[in-house]
Amino acid sequence: MMDYLIKAIAYNGQVRAYAADTTDTAGEAQKRHQTWPTASAALGRSLTAGLMLGAMLKGENKLTIKVEGGGPLGAILVDANAKGEVRGYVTNPQTHFDLNQYGKLDVARAVGTTGSLTIVKDLGMKEHFTGQVPIVSGELGEDFTYYLVSSEQIPSSVGVGVLVNPDNSILASGGFVIQLMPGTDNQTISHIESRLSAIEPISKMIEKGLTPEEILNEVLGEGNVKILEKMPVGFKCQCSRERIASAIISLGNEEIQSMIDEDGGAEAQCHFCNELYQFSKEDLEELKAGSAQ
């Protein structure tokens, strides 16, 4: 089944909730970047958070997430939009460690705990909205929770998890976001807090094959959740041969001629999806002729 995300409300509109199954999305990223398990978990968690934060946007709005925790993984960069499309990469995809003391992939060690989480939103206005918070755990779920609470002033809980198979492929990936709306009564808050402290880790729920709907029922209690929307989500890059060609043209004829003379062609690789675009000497001559018109 294709990955999908649900938007919901609960407790008569006092709570806003999102949940997503991102197994294929994380799997596509793993294949494209050949990530090792710990890197796969960090990237998959970030892609999942990106999709859920993107789902909070509207229309053509989009956002970019940058996680720089100072760890050996390097930076994590994720782009997401309101349409359920996401792409991303890690600086050092072949990063992996032994399991931590809890028997889980040691994401915090890979990400690091001495940097920042930055989210830039393009809301179609002249200025972009930028929010930045320090990394608080490096596990990423807690870090995105801290971002929403500190930067956007929304009491929230974010759970993200990824399980990796022995052959490095993705077994399961997904997550949830719970947000309290202004005026949420204390009884509802206490009930949600007690459920959050009692539920299994998100990775366990995903391993059992729980759907996004079932995840929200686990977190918020059966009968309390009203689904508003279900949308397909997936890994999708905006790069194309045409875009790369335009970028080459923008370098100017002198630079294009230099590529022809020195290299007999050109190639460019997209950081986000690892797609390789090759341009022969004839292709470059064509681009040069087109730019002169």
Protein backbone atom coordinates (compact mmCIF):
# COMPACT_ATOMS: atom_id res chain seq x y z
CA MET A 1 0.00 0.00 0.00
CA MET A 2 1.19 3.50 -0.77
CA ASP A 3 2.37 5.78 2.02
CA TYR A 4 -0.23 8.17 3.32
CA LEU A 5 -0.85 10.79 5.98
CA ILE A 6 -4.00 11.64 7.89
CA LYS A 7 -5.10 14.95 9.37
CA ALA A 8 -7.51 14.72 12.29
CA ILE A 9 -9.05 16.52 15.23
CA ALA A 10 -9.88 15.04 18.61
CA TYR A 11 -11.75 15.88 21.80
CA ASN A 12 -14.29 18.08 20.01
CA GLY A 13 -11.67 20.13 18.18
CA GLN A 14 -9.46 20.80 21.19
CA VAL A 15 -6.67 18.73 19.65
CA ARG A 16 -5.16 18.69 16.16
CA ALA A 17 -3.39 15.51 15.09
CA TYR A 18 -1.38 14.09 12.19
CA ALA A 19 -0.06 10.59 11.59
CA ALA A 20 1.77 9.05 8.65
CA ASP A 21 3.09 5.78 7.29
CA THR A 22 6.31 6.67 5.48
CA THR A 23 7.83 3.23 4.93
CA ASP A 24 8.11 3.54 1.13
CA THR A 25 9.28 7.16 1.41
CA ALA A 26 12.13 6.26 3.76
CA GLY A 27 12.85 3.20 1.60
CA GLU A 28 13.20 5.33 -1.53
CA ALA A 29 15.60 7.67 0.28
CA GLN A 30 17.62 4.71 1.56
CA LYS A 31 17.97 3.26 -1.95
CA ARG A 32 18.86 6.57 -3.57
CA HIS A 33 21.49 7.52 -0.99
CA GLN A 34 22.61 4.00 0.04
CA THR A 35 22.31 4.98 3.70
CA TRP A 36 23.48 2.65 6.45
CA PRO A 37 21.02 1.81 9.28
CA THR A 38 21.71 4.66 11.75
CA ALA A 39 21.78 7.21 8.93
CA SER A 40 18.58 5.65 7.51
CA ALA A 41 16.82 6.10 10.86
CA ALA A 42 17.90 9.74 11.15
CA LEU A 43 16.92 10.58 7.57
CA GLY A 44 13.65 8.62 7.75
CA ARG A 45 12.63 10.36 10.99
CA SER A 46 13.41 13.76 9.47
CA LEU A 47 11.51 13.00 6.25
CA THR A 48 8.50 11.87 8.31
CA ALA A 49 8.57 15.03 10.43
CA GLY A 50 8.94 17.07 7.24
CA LEU A 51 5.84 15.49 5.70
CA MET A 52 3.74 16.15 8.81
CA LEU A 53 4.97 19.75 9.16
CA GLY A 54 4.40 20.22 5.41
CA ALA A 55 0.82 18.98 5.83
CA MET A 56 0.22 21.96 8.14
CA LEU A 57 0.89 24.31 5.20
CA LYS A 58 -1.49 25.31 2.40
CA GLY A 59 -1.42 25.57 -1.40
CA GLU A 60 2.05 26.07 -2.86
CA ASN A 61 3.70 26.70 0.51
CA LYS A 62 6.82 24.70 1.35
CA LEU A 63 9.49 24.36 4.01
CA THR A 64 13.11 23.35 4.45
CA ILE A 65 14.44 21.58 7.52
CA LYS A 66 18.12 21.64 8.44
CA VAL A 67 19.42 19.55 11.32
CA GLU A 68 22.99 20.33 12.33
CA GLY A 69 23.77 18.51 15.56
CA GLY A 70 27.56 18.41 15.27
CA GLY A 71 27.65 14.60 15.00
CA PRO A 72 29.44 12.37 12.47
CA LEU A 73 26.30 12.15 10.29
CA GLY A 74 26.76 15.81 9.32
CA ALA A 75 23.80 17.96 8.31
CA ILE A 76 20.38 16.54 7.43
CA LEU A 77 18.47 18.58 4.83
CA VAL A 78 14.79 18.00 4.03
CA ASP A 79 12.39 19.84 1.71
CA ALA A 80 8.63 19.28 2.07
CA ASN A 81 5.45 20.91 0.80
CA ALA A 82 1.69 20.98 1.43
CA LYS A 83 1.08 18.36 -1.28
CA GLY A 84 2.69 15.44 0.54
CA GLU A 85 5.97 15.61 -1.37
CA VAL A 86 9.31 15.36 0.41
CA ARG A 87 12.98 14.93 -0.46
CA GLY A 88 16.11 14.90 1.65
CA TYR A 89 19.66 13.74 2.25
CA VAL A 90 22.32 13.42 4.93
CA THR A 91 25.90 14.63 4.48
CA ASN A 92 27.48 11.30 5.44
CA PRO A 93 25.03 8.52 4.43
CA GLN A 94 27.38 5.67 5.38
CA THR A 95 27.15 6.40 9.11
CA HIS A 96 26.32 3.55 11.50
CA PHE A 97 26.95 2.59 15.14
CA ASP A 98 26.17 -0.29 17.45
CA LEU A 99 22.75 -0.18 19.11
CA ASN A 100 22.43 2.12 22.13
CA GLN A 101 21.74 0.96 25.71
CA TYR A 102 18.03 0.66 24.91
CA GLY A 103 18.70 -1.71 22.01
CA LYS A 104 17.81 0.94 19.43
CA LEU A 105 19.68 2.56 16.57
CA ASP A 106 21.89 5.26 18.09
CA VAL A 107 20.48 8.24 16.19
CA ALA A 108 21.51 10.76 18.87
CA ARG A 109 25.16 9.72 18.54
CA ALA A 110 25.01 10.08 14.74
CA VAL A 111 23.14 13.41 14.76
CA GLY A 112 24.96 14.95 17.72
CA THR A 113 23.56 17.14 20.48
CA THR A 114 25.46 20.42 20.19
CA GLY A 115 23.88 22.18 17.23
CA SER A 116 20.55 23.47 15.99
CA LEU A 117 17.34 22.59 14.18
CA THR A 118 16.31 25.23 11.66
CA ILE A 119 13.04 25.36 9.72
CA VAL A 120 12.53 27.88 6.91
CA LYS A 121 8.98 28.28 5.60
CA ASP A 122 8.23 29.73 2.17
CA LEU A 123 4.66 30.99 2.58
CA GLY A 124 4.59 32.87 -0.71
CA MET A 125 5.43 36.20 0.91
CA LYS A 126 8.41 38.45 0.33
CA GLU A 127 10.16 37.29 3.50
CA HIS A 128 10.52 33.66 4.54
CA PHE A 129 9.66 32.63 8.10
CA THR A 130 12.67 31.13 9.90
CA GLY A 131 12.59 29.35 13.25
CA GLN A 132 15.65 27.92 14.97
CA VAL A 133 16.07 26.00 18.22
CA PRO A 134 18.99 24.15 19.83
CA ILE A 135 19.13 20.38 19.48
CA VAL A 136 17.85 18.99 22.79
CA SER A 137 18.34 15.23 22.37
CA GLY A 138 19.50 14.34 18.85
CA GLU A 139 16.77 11.66 18.72
CA LEU A 140 14.81 14.09 16.50
CA GLY A 141 11.28 13.41 17.82
CA GLU A 142 12.04 15.43 20.95
CA ASP A 143 13.84 18.02 18.85
CA PHE A 144 10.84 18.62 16.58
CA THR A 145 8.60 18.72 19.67
CA TYR A 146 10.86 21.41 21.17
CA TYR A 147 10.77 23.36 17.89
CA LEU A 148 6.95 23.43 17.81
CA VAL A 149 6.69 24.39 21.48
CA SER A 150 9.46 27.03 21.45
CA SER A 151 9.42 28.51 17.97
CA GLU A 152 5.74 28.19 17.06
CA GLN A 153 4.33 28.35 20.62
CA ILE A 154 2.13 25.27 20.10
CA PRO A 155 2.07 22.64 22.88
CA SER A 156 2.91 19.52 20.87
CA SER A 157 4.20 15.97 20.97
CA VAL A 158 6.08 14.49 18.00
CA GLY A 159 6.81 10.79 17.63
CA VAL A 160 8.90 9.50 14.70
CA GLY A 161 10.40 6.06 14.21
CA VAL A 162 12.21 3.94 11.62
CA LEU A 163 13.05 0.23 11.67
CA VAL A 164 15.75 -1.15 9.36
CA ASN A 165 16.06 -4.70 7.99
CA PRO A 166 19.34 -6.69 8.20
CA ASP A 167 19.90 -6.01 4.48
CA ASN A 168 19.71 -2.21 5.14
CA SER A 169 16.28 -1.84 3.51
CA ILE A 170 13.51 -0.10 5.47
CA LEU A 171 11.17 -2.38 7.43
CA ALA A 172 8.86 0.36 8.72
CA SER A 173 8.75 4.13 9.10
CA GLY A 174 6.15 6.56 10.38
CA GLY A 175 5.14 9.08 13.00
CA PHE A 176 2.57 11.32 14.65
CA VAL A 177 2.13 14.91 15.78
CA ILE A 178 -0.35 15.87 18.52
CA GLN A 179 -1.08 19.58 19.09
CA LEU A 180 -3.22 21.25 21.74
CA MET A 181 -5.38 24.12 20.54
CA PRO A 182 -5.80 27.30 22.66
CA GLY A 183 -8.31 26.72 25.43
CA THR A 184 -7.86 22.95 25.71
CA ASP A 185 -9.29 21.96 29.11
CA ASN A 186 -7.11 20.47 31.84
CA GLN A 187 -8.94 17.16 31.87
CA THR A 188 -8.16 16.61 28.17
CA ILE A 189 -4.52 17.62 28.68
CA SER A 190 -4.15 15.18 31.61
CA HIS A 191 -5.78 12.38 29.63
CA ILE A 192 -3.45 12.88 26.63
CA GLU A 193 -0.37 13.15 28.87
CA SER A 194 -1.24 9.88 30.60
CA ARG A 195 -1.77 8.11 27.27
CA LEU A 196 1.50 9.47 25.83
CA SER A 197 3.40 8.16 28.86
CA ALA A 198 1.76 4.73 28.56
CA ILE A 199 1.89 4.02 24.80
CA GLU A 200 4.53 1.85 23.17
CA PRO A 201 7.35 3.59 21.25
CA ILE A 202 6.21 4.66 17.78
CA SER A 203 8.67 2.21 16.18
CA LYS A 204 6.94 -0.68 18.00
CA MET A 205 3.54 0.45 16.72
CA ILE A 206 4.89 0.64 13.19
CA GLU A 207 6.54 -2.78 13.54
CA LYS A 208 3.14 -4.24 14.48
CA GLY A 209 1.74 -2.78 11.27
CA LEU A 210 -0.53 -0.17 12.84
CA THR A 211 -2.04 2.23 10.30
CA PRO A 212 -1.92 6.01 10.83
CA GLU A 213 -5.55 5.83 11.99
CA GLU A 214 -4.72 3.12 14.53
CA ILE A 215 -1.66 5.06 15.73
CA LEU A 216 -3.86 8.07 16.56
CA ASN A 217 -6.36 5.80 18.33
CA GLU A 218 -3.48 4.44 20.43
CA VAL A 219 -2.25 7.93 21.28
CA LEU A 220 -5.58 9.70 21.80
CA GLY A 221 -7.96 6.89 22.67
CA GLU A 222 -10.49 5.08 20.51
CA GLY A 223 -13.61 7.10 19.77
CA ASN A 224 -11.92 10.45 20.38
CA VAL A 225 -10.48 10.94 16.89
CA LYS A 226 -12.24 12.42 13.86
CA ILE A 227 -10.36 12.01 10.54
CA LEU A 228 -10.53 15.14 8.36
CA GLU A 229 -8.33 14.19 5.42
CA LYS A 230 -6.23 11.36 4.05
CA MET A 231 -3.49 12.23 1.55
CA PRO A 232 -0.86 10.20 -0.30
CA VAL A 233 2.74 11.11 0.53
CA GLY A 234 6.06 10.17 -1.01
CA PHE A 235 9.65 10.96 -1.89
CA LYS A 236 9.64 13.31 -4.86
CA CYS A 237 12.42 15.55 -6.15
CA GLN A 238 11.88 18.69 -8.19
CA CYS A 239 15.10 18.31 -10.15
CA SER A 240 14.94 17.67 -13.91
CA ARG A 241 17.19 17.67 -16.97
CA GLU A 242 15.56 20.94 -18.06
CA ARG A 243 16.42 22.64 -14.75
CA ILE A 244 20.03 21.50 -14.95
CA ALA A 245 20.20 22.69 -18.58
CA SER A 246 18.89 26.12 -17.50
CA ALA A 247 21.52 26.26 -14.77
CA ILE A 248 24.25 25.46 -17.33
CA ILE A 249 22.94 28.15 -19.70
CA SER A 250 23.02 30.67 -16.84
CA LEU A 251 26.79 30.10 -16.51
CA GLY A 252 27.28 31.90 -19.83
CA ASN A 253 28.82 30.90 -23.17
CA GLU A 254 32.40 31.29 -22.01
CA GLU A 255 31.95 28.77 -19.19
CA ILE A 256 30.04 26.36 -21.47
CA GLN A 257 32.83 26.54 -24.07
CA SER A 258 35.35 25.82 -21.33
CA MET A 259 33.38 22.65 -20.41
CA ILE A 260 33.42 21.60 -24.07
CA ASP A 261 37.16 22.27 -24.51
CA GLU A 262 38.40 20.87 -21.20
CA ASP A 263 35.97 18.05 -20.39
CA GLY A 264 34.19 17.29 -23.65
CA GLY A 265 30.89 17.37 -21.78
CA ALA A 266 29.37 17.92 -18.34
CA GLU A 267 27.59 16.03 -15.60
CA ALA A 268 25.62 17.19 -12.59
CA GLN A 269 24.24 15.22 -9.66
CA CYS A 270 21.29 16.28 -7.51
CA HIS A 271 22.12 16.25 -3.77
CA PHE A 272 18.52 15.51 -2.82
CA CYS A 273 17.87 12.43 -4.95
CA ASN A 274 21.31 11.45 -6.34
CA GLU A 275 19.99 11.53 -9.93
CA LEU A 276 22.87 11.99 -12.38
CA TYR A 277 22.43 14.20 -15.46
CA GLN A 278 24.98 13.94 -18.27
CA PHE A 279 25.46 16.37 -21.14
CA SER A 280 27.58 15.44 -24.14
CA LYS A 281 29.72 17.86 -26.15
CA GLU A 282 26.84 18.08 -28.65
CA ASP A 283 24.33 18.82 -25.86
CA LEU A 284 26.51 21.67 -24.63
CA GLU A 285 26.92 23.08 -28.16
CA GLU A 286 23.13 23.06 -28.42
CA LEU A 287 22.71 24.86 -25.07
CA LYS A 288 25.33 27.39 -26.11
CA ALA A 289 23.57 28.04 -29.43
CA GLY A 290 20.20 28.35 -27.64
CA SER A 291 21.52 30.87 -25.12
CA ALA A 292 22.89 33.05 -27.90
CA GLN A 293 19.45 33.49 -29.49
